[in-house]
């Protein structure tokens, strides 16, 4: 990765991954855990949170009370660790009140995303994860437009096992094809429930929807992540699940997804 003196995204060519999906499938959770998994794999990771109306990742990473500062090359992202291996930029850092509603029309959203892309001094990154809101509208188009001069490796599609979710994700696939975005793969979230007592995983929803969707569309199935109370509590408390539960099946699942993703990025 090449880097100019100021380290801004305008001069750095990171690997950019967009996580697009329908609402309510745990996309921000998956983005957060992918970032933590990639960091534990030794990568320097950035998260660009463009879910302007629902910025939840700062809380998930326990940095929601942090202020954003500026340097000569723009905004300095918020780092979650002393080694500065995981950086985050979110509109959540710019709101005076965390409960404040962001009531913006498309042009203002587009302008803010443009600033996030061009005016954040990310430094040297191995992977930049772009966390998008539901749908295929202004925010998604603004991200792609502003990242034209950088190499976007592709999109990760997040779904749940149910047919209603996989049906919506098919529209996301159509969006990717129309805009020329490579699909890096499909992740099935909430794939079964892990019992907190015996660790057995039970399928409380239908099974295999994500894998079937990947086959149907000719995409890579990256893996599945179950409903795990330990993961849920880690997200709620802003703790690093990957560090706290290295012996869990969910840890193995997320680690496997990260490795498959890294292999895919190497061939992008």
Protein backbone atom coordinates (compact mmCIF):
# COMPACT_ATOMS: atom_id res chain seq x y z
CA UNK A 1 0.00 0.00 0.00
CA UNK A 2 1.42 3.38 -0.97
CA UNK A 3 1.10 6.38 1.32
CA UNK A 4 1.76 10.08 0.93
CA UNK A 5 3.05 12.32 3.70
CA UNK A 6 -0.31 13.38 5.15
CA UNK A 7 -1.76 9.85 5.18
CA UNK A 8 -5.23 10.90 4.02
CA UNK A 9 -7.51 8.58 2.10
CA UNK A 10 -7.08 10.76 -0.97
CA UNK A 11 -3.47 9.59 -1.08
CA UNK A 12 -3.81 6.08 0.36
CA UNK A 13 -5.27 3.23 -1.66
CA UNK A 14 -6.84 0.90 0.90
CA UNK A 15 -8.87 -2.19 0.19
CA UNK A 16 -12.44 -1.01 0.52
CA UNK A 17 -15.24 -3.35 1.42
CA UNK A 18 -18.88 -2.30 1.45
CA UNK A 19 -21.28 -4.26 3.65
CA UNK A 20 -24.70 -3.82 2.06
CA UNK A 21 -27.93 -5.51 3.09
CA UNK A 22 -31.54 -5.17 4.21
CA UNK A 23 -32.39 -3.64 7.59
CA UNK A 24 -32.34 -5.65 10.80
CA UNK A 25 -29.90 -8.40 9.87
CA UNK A 26 -27.10 -7.32 12.23
CA UNK A 27 -24.96 -5.66 9.59
CA UNK A 28 -23.20 -3.28 12.02
CA UNK A 29 -22.49 -6.20 14.35
CA UNK A 30 -20.96 -8.18 11.48
CA UNK A 31 -18.92 -5.15 10.37
CA UNK A 32 -17.61 -4.67 13.92
CA UNK A 33 -16.70 -8.34 14.37
CA UNK A 34 -15.04 -8.51 10.95
CA UNK A 35 -12.93 -5.50 11.91
CA UNK A 36 -11.94 -7.09 15.23
CA UNK A 37 -11.25 -10.43 13.53
CA UNK A 38 -9.06 -8.81 10.88
CA UNK A 39 -7.22 -6.86 13.57
CA UNK A 40 -6.55 -10.07 15.50
CA UNK A 41 -5.20 -11.50 12.24
CA UNK A 42 -2.57 -8.76 12.31
CA UNK A 43 -4.18 -6.29 9.90
CA UNK A 44 -4.60 -2.55 10.28
CA UNK A 45 -8.29 -1.89 9.79
CA UNK A 46 -10.51 1.16 9.35
CA UNK A 47 -14.29 1.37 9.58
CA UNK A 48 -16.10 4.13 7.72
CA UNK A 49 -19.60 4.26 9.20
CA UNK A 50 -21.93 5.88 6.67
CA UNK A 51 -25.11 4.79 8.41
CA UNK A 52 -25.80 8.46 9.05
CA UNK A 53 -29.21 8.01 10.66
CA UNK A 54 -28.27 5.08 12.89
CA UNK A 55 -24.59 5.20 13.88
CA UNK A 56 -24.23 2.30 16.33
CA UNK A 57 -20.63 1.17 15.82
CA UNK A 58 -19.06 3.76 18.19
CA UNK A 59 -21.02 2.18 21.05
CA UNK A 60 -20.17 -1.34 19.92
CA UNK A 61 -16.48 -0.46 20.11
CA UNK A 62 -16.90 1.50 23.37
CA UNK A 63 -15.70 4.81 21.91
CA UNK A 64 -19.05 6.59 21.70
CA UNK A 65 -18.00 9.36 24.11
CA UNK A 66 -14.89 10.24 22.08
CA UNK A 67 -14.39 13.58 20.33
CA UNK A 68 -12.97 13.83 16.82
CA UNK A 69 -10.01 16.17 16.34
CA UNK A 70 -8.52 17.73 13.23
CA UNK A 71 -4.98 17.78 11.91
CA UNK A 72 -3.46 19.48 8.85
CA UNK A 73 -4.81 16.77 6.54
CA UNK A 74 -8.34 16.60 7.98
CA UNK A 75 -10.21 14.69 10.67
CA UNK A 76 -8.26 12.21 12.77
CA UNK A 77 -10.26 8.97 13.10
CA UNK A 78 -10.94 7.52 16.53
CA UNK A 79 -8.61 4.66 17.44
CA UNK A 80 -9.92 1.85 19.61
CA UNK A 81 -6.53 0.61 20.81
CA UNK A 82 -3.15 1.99 21.80
CA UNK A 83 -1.48 0.33 18.79
CA UNK A 84 -3.81 2.27 16.45
CA UNK A 85 -4.65 -0.92 14.59
CA UNK A 86 -8.40 -0.23 14.42
CA UNK A 87 -9.67 3.21 13.37
CA UNK A 88 -13.26 4.41 13.13
CA UNK A 89 -14.99 7.43 11.63
CA UNK A 90 -18.70 7.95 12.26
CA UNK A 91 -21.16 10.80 12.36
CA UNK A 92 -21.84 9.63 15.91
CA UNK A 93 -18.67 11.47 16.94
CA UNK A 94 -19.97 14.74 15.50
CA UNK A 95 -23.33 14.86 17.29
CA UNK A 96 -23.60 16.89 20.48
CA UNK A 97 -26.35 14.59 21.77
CA UNK A 98 -26.13 10.85 20.97
CA UNK A 99 -29.94 10.75 20.87
CA UNK A 100 -30.08 13.53 18.29
CA UNK A 101 -31.91 12.57 15.10
CA UNK A 102 -30.11 13.19 11.80
CA UNK A 103 -32.89 14.58 9.57
CA UNK A 104 -31.09 15.27 6.29
CA UNK A 105 -32.05 15.15 2.66
CA UNK A 106 -29.97 13.35 0.06
CA UNK A 107 -27.62 16.20 -0.98
CA UNK A 108 -26.49 16.83 2.61
CA UNK A 109 -25.90 13.12 3.17
CA UNK A 110 -23.90 12.96 -0.05
CA UNK A 111 -21.77 15.94 1.01
CA UNK A 112 -21.02 14.40 4.41
CA UNK A 113 -19.99 11.09 2.88
CA UNK A 114 -17.74 12.99 0.49
CA UNK A 115 -16.04 14.61 3.48
CA UNK A 116 -15.67 11.26 5.23
CA UNK A 117 -13.94 9.82 2.17
CA UNK A 118 -11.66 12.75 1.35
CA UNK A 119 -11.06 14.52 4.67
CA UNK A 120 -10.16 11.72 7.12
CA UNK A 121 -6.47 11.06 7.79
CA UNK A 122 -6.66 7.27 7.98
CA UNK A 123 -2.94 6.64 7.82
CA UNK A 124 -1.80 3.28 6.50
CA UNK A 125 -4.56 0.65 6.33
CA UNK A 126 -4.76 -2.92 5.09
CA UNK A 127 -8.57 -2.98 4.91
CA UNK A 128 -11.24 -0.28 5.02
CA UNK A 129 -14.72 -1.57 5.85
CA UNK A 130 -17.56 0.72 4.76
CA UNK A 131 -20.67 0.14 6.84
CA UNK A 132 -23.76 1.25 4.91
CA UNK A 133 -27.41 1.74 5.88
CA UNK A 134 -30.27 -0.41 4.51
CA UNK A 135 -31.31 -0.12 0.90
CA UNK A 136 -29.70 0.98 -2.35
CA UNK A 137 -30.12 4.74 -2.30
CA UNK A 138 -28.21 8.00 -1.79
CA UNK A 139 -25.63 6.77 0.71
CA UNK A 140 -24.60 3.78 -1.39
CA UNK A 141 -24.32 5.80 -4.58
CA UNK A 142 -22.39 8.54 -2.75
CA UNK A 143 -19.89 6.01 -1.39
CA UNK A 144 -19.24 4.53 -4.81
CA UNK A 145 -19.01 7.95 -6.48
CA UNK A 146 -16.51 9.26 -3.92
CA UNK A 147 -14.42 6.09 -3.97
CA UNK A 148 -14.07 6.02 -7.76
CA UNK A 149 -10.44 7.12 -7.58
CA UNK A 150 -9.65 4.33 -5.10
CA UNK A 151 -9.76 0.60 -5.67
CA UNK A 152 -13.01 -0.79 -4.25
CA UNK A 153 -12.50 -4.53 -3.87
CA UNK A 154 -16.16 -5.35 -3.51
CA UNK A 155 -19.24 -5.77 -1.36
CA UNK A 156 -20.09 -8.19 1.43
CA UNK A 157 -23.77 -9.10 1.55
CA UNK A 158 -25.24 -9.83 4.98
CA UNK A 159 -28.46 -11.80 5.34
CA UNK A 160 -30.35 -13.97 7.81
CA UNK A 161 -31.62 -17.47 6.99
CA UNK A 162 -35.25 -16.49 6.33
CA UNK A 163 -36.57 -16.17 2.79
CA UNK A 164 -37.83 -12.61 3.47
CA UNK A 165 -34.24 -11.55 4.15
CA UNK A 166 -32.61 -13.40 1.27
CA UNK A 167 -35.26 -11.97 -1.07
CA UNK A 168 -34.27 -8.42 -0.12
CA UNK A 169 -30.58 -9.23 -0.53
CA UNK A 170 -31.26 -10.30 -4.12
CA UNK A 171 -32.07 -6.64 -4.80
CA UNK A 172 -28.71 -5.70 -3.30
CA UNK A 173 -27.09 -8.15 -5.71
CA UNK A 174 -28.85 -6.44 -8.62
CA UNK A 175 -27.55 -3.09 -7.32
CA UNK A 176 -23.98 -4.42 -7.26
CA UNK A 177 -24.28 -5.72 -10.81
CA UNK A 178 -25.71 -2.45 -12.11
CA UNK A 179 -22.96 -0.40 -10.47
CA UNK A 180 -20.14 -2.79 -11.36
CA UNK A 181 -19.27 -3.71 -7.77
CA UNK A 182 -17.76 -7.14 -7.28
CA UNK A 183 -19.52 -9.31 -4.69
CA UNK A 184 -16.90 -10.67 -2.31
CA UNK A 185 -19.37 -13.03 -0.71
CA UNK A 186 -22.42 -13.64 1.44
CA UNK A 187 -22.52 -13.92 5.25
CA UNK A 188 -25.49 -15.55 6.97
CA UNK A 189 -26.04 -13.93 10.38
CA UNK A 190 -28.28 -15.26 13.17
CA UNK A 191 -27.67 -18.76 11.87
CA UNK A 192 -28.96 -20.80 14.81
CA UNK A 193 -28.86 -20.05 18.53
CA UNK A 194 -25.95 -21.01 20.81
CA UNK A 195 -27.20 -22.24 24.19
CA UNK A 196 -25.32 -20.36 26.95
CA UNK A 197 -25.34 -23.51 29.13
CA UNK A 198 -24.33 -26.38 26.82
CA UNK A 199 -23.05 -24.39 23.78
CA UNK A 200 -25.23 -26.46 21.46
CA UNK A 201 -26.44 -24.54 18.39
CA UNK A 202 -30.15 -24.89 17.53
CA UNK A 203 -31.76 -23.64 14.32
CA UNK A 204 -34.57 -21.39 15.52
CA UNK A 205 -35.00 -19.85 12.06
CA UNK A 206 -34.93 -21.60 8.71
CA UNK A 207 -31.54 -22.94 7.69
CA UNK A 208 -29.14 -22.41 4.83
CA UNK A 209 -30.70 -19.33 3.20
CA UNK A 210 -27.37 -17.53 2.89
CA UNK A 211 -25.60 -20.51 1.34
CA UNK A 212 -28.45 -21.10 -1.10
CA UNK A 213 -28.40 -17.42 -2.06
CA UNK A 214 -24.66 -17.58 -2.71
CA UNK A 215 -25.08 -20.63 -4.94
CA UNK A 216 -28.01 -19.08 -6.79
CA UNK A 217 -26.07 -15.90 -7.59
CA UNK A 218 -22.68 -17.53 -8.18
CA UNK A 219 -21.19 -15.77 -5.14
CA UNK A 220 -18.85 -17.06 -2.46
CA UNK A 221 -20.47 -18.16 0.80
CA UNK A 222 -18.15 -16.65 3.39
CA UNK A 223 -19.76 -18.41 6.35
CA UNK A 224 -22.42 -18.17 9.02
CA UNK A 225 -22.52 -16.48 12.44
CA UNK A 226 -24.96 -17.84 15.07
CA UNK A 227 -26.99 -15.95 17.64
CA UNK A 228 -24.58 -16.14 20.58
CA UNK A 229 -25.44 -14.53 23.95
CA UNK A 230 -21.73 -13.97 24.59
CA UNK A 231 -21.43 -12.02 21.33
CA UNK A 232 -24.58 -10.02 22.10
CA UNK A 233 -23.34 -9.05 25.57
CA UNK A 234 -19.92 -8.11 24.18
CA UNK A 235 -21.55 -5.80 21.63
CA UNK A 236 -23.79 -4.24 24.29
CA UNK A 237 -20.85 -3.64 26.66
CA UNK A 238 -18.42 -2.49 23.97
CA UNK A 239 -16.02 -5.37 24.61
CA UNK A 240 -13.82 -7.26 22.16
CA UNK A 241 -15.59 -10.59 21.69
CA UNK A 242 -12.67 -12.00 19.70
CA UNK A 243 -10.35 -11.39 22.63
CA UNK A 244 -12.76 -12.52 25.35
CA UNK A 245 -14.04 -15.78 23.84
CA UNK A 246 -11.22 -17.34 21.76
CA UNK A 247 -12.43 -20.89 22.47
CA UNK A 248 -16.00 -20.38 21.29
CA UNK A 249 -17.51 -21.77 18.10
CA UNK A 250 -18.58 -18.24 17.16
CA UNK A 251 -14.96 -17.10 17.38
CA UNK A 252 -13.96 -19.91 15.01
CA UNK A 253 -16.74 -18.94 12.61
CA UNK A 254 -15.77 -15.27 12.49
CA UNK A 255 -12.06 -16.11 12.17
CA UNK A 256 -12.81 -18.45 9.27
CA UNK A 257 -14.86 -15.76 7.52
CA UNK A 258 -12.03 -13.26 7.96
CA UNK A 259 -9.49 -15.68 6.47
CA UNK A 260 -11.75 -16.44 3.50
CA UNK A 261 -12.24 -12.71 3.01
CA UNK A 262 -8.50 -12.03 3.13
CA UNK A 263 -7.90 -14.77 0.56
CA UNK A 264 -10.57 -13.19 -1.66
CA UNK A 265 -8.99 -9.75 -1.31
CA UNK A 266 -5.63 -11.11 -2.38
CA UNK A 267 -7.13 -12.25 -5.67
CA UNK A 268 -9.18 -9.06 -6.20
